Amino acid sequence: MEPKADYILDFRETISSLALLKMTQVLREMNKDEVLEIITRDGDARTDVFKVIPGASCEVIDLEFNREASCFLIRVKKI
C-alpha cells in the first residue's frame, strides 16, 4: 500500500525555480515521517527535484510513471 501523502505539489505545467523553491520550503516545514508527493510531467524535471531534496533528512520512498495521466509521481519521506 502506498503511503498517504501529507503534502502534494503539482508541477505538471512547469518546474521553474519558484516551484523548486516552494518544494524546499515545504520540505523544511515538514515533520518527521510526513510524506510529500511531487507530480511532474517533465522527465528532466525529476533530475532538478532530486538535486534539491536534502539526502540527509529525506528519503525517496516511491518513484513511478502514471501512464493514464502521463506524469511522474515522486514520494519523499522526511526522516
C-alpha atoms as a PDB file:
ATOM      1  CA  MET A   1       0.000   0.000   0.000  1.00  0.00           C
ATOM      2  CA  GLU A   2       1.304   3.454  -0.922  1.00  0.00           C
ATOM      3  CA  PRO A   3       1.953   5.877   1.903  1.00  0.00           C
ATOM      4  CA  LYS A   4      -0.628   8.632   2.106  1.00  0.00           C
ATOM      5  CA  ALA A   5       0.823  12.000   1.135  1.00  0.00           C
ATOM      6  CA  ASP A   6       0.662  14.708   3.793  1.00  0.00           C
ATOM      7  CA  TYR A   7       1.570  17.326   1.171  1.00  0.00           C
ATOM      8  CA  ILE A   8       1.100  17.375  -2.605  1.00  0.00           C
ATOM      9  CA  LEU A   9       2.903  19.690  -5.007  1.00  0.00           C
ATOM     10  CA  ASP A  10       1.621  19.596  -8.583  1.00  0.00           C
ATOM     11  CA  PHE A  11       4.338  20.729 -11.009  1.00  0.00           C
ATOM     12  CA  ARG A  12       2.722  19.258 -14.142  1.00  0.00           C
ATOM     13  CA  GLU A  13       2.778  22.516 -16.054  1.00  0.00           C
ATOM     14  CA  THR A  14       6.269  23.702 -15.142  1.00  0.00           C
ATOM     15  CA  ILE A  15       9.218  23.086 -12.827  1.00  0.00           C
ATOM     16  CA  SER A  16      10.511  26.618 -12.554  1.00  0.00           C
ATOM     17  CA  SER A  17      12.903  28.000  -9.980  1.00  0.00           C
ATOM     18  CA  LEU A  18       9.955  29.227  -7.923  1.00  0.00           C
ATOM     19  CA  ALA A  19       8.420  25.743  -7.905  1.00  0.00           C
ATOM     20  CA  LEU A  20      11.705  24.264  -6.637  1.00  0.00           C
ATOM     21  CA  LEU A  21      11.894  26.998  -4.007  1.00  0.00           C
ATOM     22  CA  LYS A  22       8.346  26.117  -2.888  1.00  0.00           C
ATOM     23  CA  MET A  23       9.348  22.455  -2.659  1.00  0.00           C
ATOM     24  CA  THR A  24      12.338  23.227  -0.430  1.00  0.00           C
ATOM     25  CA  GLN A  25      10.122  25.391   1.781  1.00  0.00           C
ATOM     26  CA  VAL A  26       7.583  22.578   2.198  1.00  0.00           C
ATOM     27  CA  LEU A  27      10.344  20.046   2.945  1.00  0.00           C
ATOM     28  CA  ARG A  28      11.813  22.352   5.572  1.00  0.00           C
ATOM     29  CA  GLU A  29       8.423  22.785   7.288  1.00  0.00           C
ATOM     30  CA  MET A  30       7.515  19.079   7.245  1.00  0.00           C
ATOM     31  CA  ASN A  31       7.674  16.999  10.407  1.00  0.00           C
ATOM     32  CA  LYS A  32       9.453  13.663  10.722  1.00  0.00           C
ATOM     33  CA  ASP A  33       7.695  10.768   8.918  1.00  0.00           C
ATOM     34  CA  GLU A  34       5.490  13.067   6.839  1.00  0.00           C
ATOM     35  CA  VAL A  35       5.273  12.351   3.104  1.00  0.00           C
ATOM     36  CA  LEU A  36       5.460  14.818   0.224  1.00  0.00           C
ATOM     37  CA  GLU A  37       4.137  13.840  -3.199  1.00  0.00           C
ATOM     38  CA  ILE A  38       5.549  15.700  -6.189  1.00  0.00           C
ATOM     39  CA  ILE A  39       3.765  15.437  -9.540  1.00  0.00           C
ATOM     40  CA  THR A  40       5.521  16.442 -12.767  1.00  0.00           C
ATOM     41  CA  ARG A  41       5.119  15.748 -16.481  1.00  0.00           C
ATOM     42  CA  ASP A  42       8.665  16.656 -17.439  1.00  0.00           C
ATOM     43  CA  GLY A  43      11.071  13.732 -17.153  1.00  0.00           C
ATOM     44  CA  ASP A  44      14.019  16.135 -16.963  1.00  0.00           C
ATOM     45  CA  ALA A  45      12.381  17.880 -14.012  1.00  0.00           C
ATOM     46  CA  ARG A  46      12.959  14.740 -11.953  1.00  0.00           C
ATOM     47  CA  THR A  47      16.668  15.498 -12.079  1.00  0.00           C
ATOM     48  CA  ASP A  48      16.041  19.008 -10.745  1.00  0.00           C
ATOM     49  CA  VAL A  49      13.839  17.650  -7.956  1.00  0.00           C
ATOM     50  CA  PHE A  50      16.499  15.149  -6.878  1.00  0.00           C
ATOM     51  CA  LYS A  51      19.132  17.901  -6.795  1.00  0.00           C
ATOM     52  CA  VAL A  52      17.033  19.878  -4.305  1.00  0.00           C
ATOM     53  CA  ILE A  53      15.925  17.028  -1.998  1.00  0.00           C
ATOM     54  CA  PRO A  54      18.218  17.012   1.053  1.00  0.00           C
ATOM     55  CA  GLY A  55      19.532  13.447   1.233  1.00  0.00           C
ATOM     56  CA  ALA A  56      20.430  13.654   4.921  1.00  0.00           C
ATOM     57  CA  SER A  57      16.891  14.484   6.033  1.00  0.00           C
ATOM     58  CA  CYS A  58      14.680  12.920   3.337  1.00  0.00           C
ATOM     59  CA  GLU A  59      14.359   9.629   1.532  1.00  0.00           C
ATOM     60  CA  VAL A  60      12.661   8.869  -1.753  1.00  0.00           C
ATOM     61  CA  ILE A  61      10.113   6.188  -0.997  1.00  0.00           C
ATOM     62  CA  ASP A  62       8.441   5.924  -4.390  1.00  0.00           C
ATOM     63  CA  LEU A  63       9.027   6.950  -7.984  1.00  0.00           C
ATOM     64  CA  GLU A  64       6.533   5.911 -10.618  1.00  0.00           C
ATOM     65  CA  PHE A  65       5.245   6.908 -14.021  1.00  0.00           C
ATOM     66  CA  ASN A  66       1.463   7.155 -14.303  1.00  0.00           C
ATOM     67  CA  ARG A  67       0.612   6.349 -17.923  1.00  0.00           C
ATOM     68  CA  GLU A  68      -3.011   7.499 -17.756  1.00  0.00           C
ATOM     69  CA  ALA A  69      -2.027  10.962 -16.527  1.00  0.00           C
ATOM     70  CA  SER A  70       1.327  10.993 -18.361  1.00  0.00           C
ATOM     71  CA  CYS A  71       3.160  12.190 -15.279  1.00  0.00           C
ATOM     72  CA  PHE A  72       5.792  11.149 -12.776  1.00  0.00           C
ATOM     73  CA  LEU A  73       4.919  10.757  -9.100  1.00  0.00           C
ATOM     74  CA  ILE A  74       7.741  11.152  -6.594  1.00  0.00           C
ATOM     75  CA  ARG A  75       7.072  10.490  -2.908  1.00  0.00           C
ATOM     76  CA  VAL A  76       9.559  11.734  -0.353  1.00  0.00           C
ATOM     77  CA  LYS A  77       9.516  10.989   3.377  1.00  0.00           C
ATOM     78  CA  LYS A  78      11.143  13.259   5.945  1.00  0.00           C
ATOM     79  CA  ILE A  79      13.400  11.236   8.252  1.00  0.00           C
END
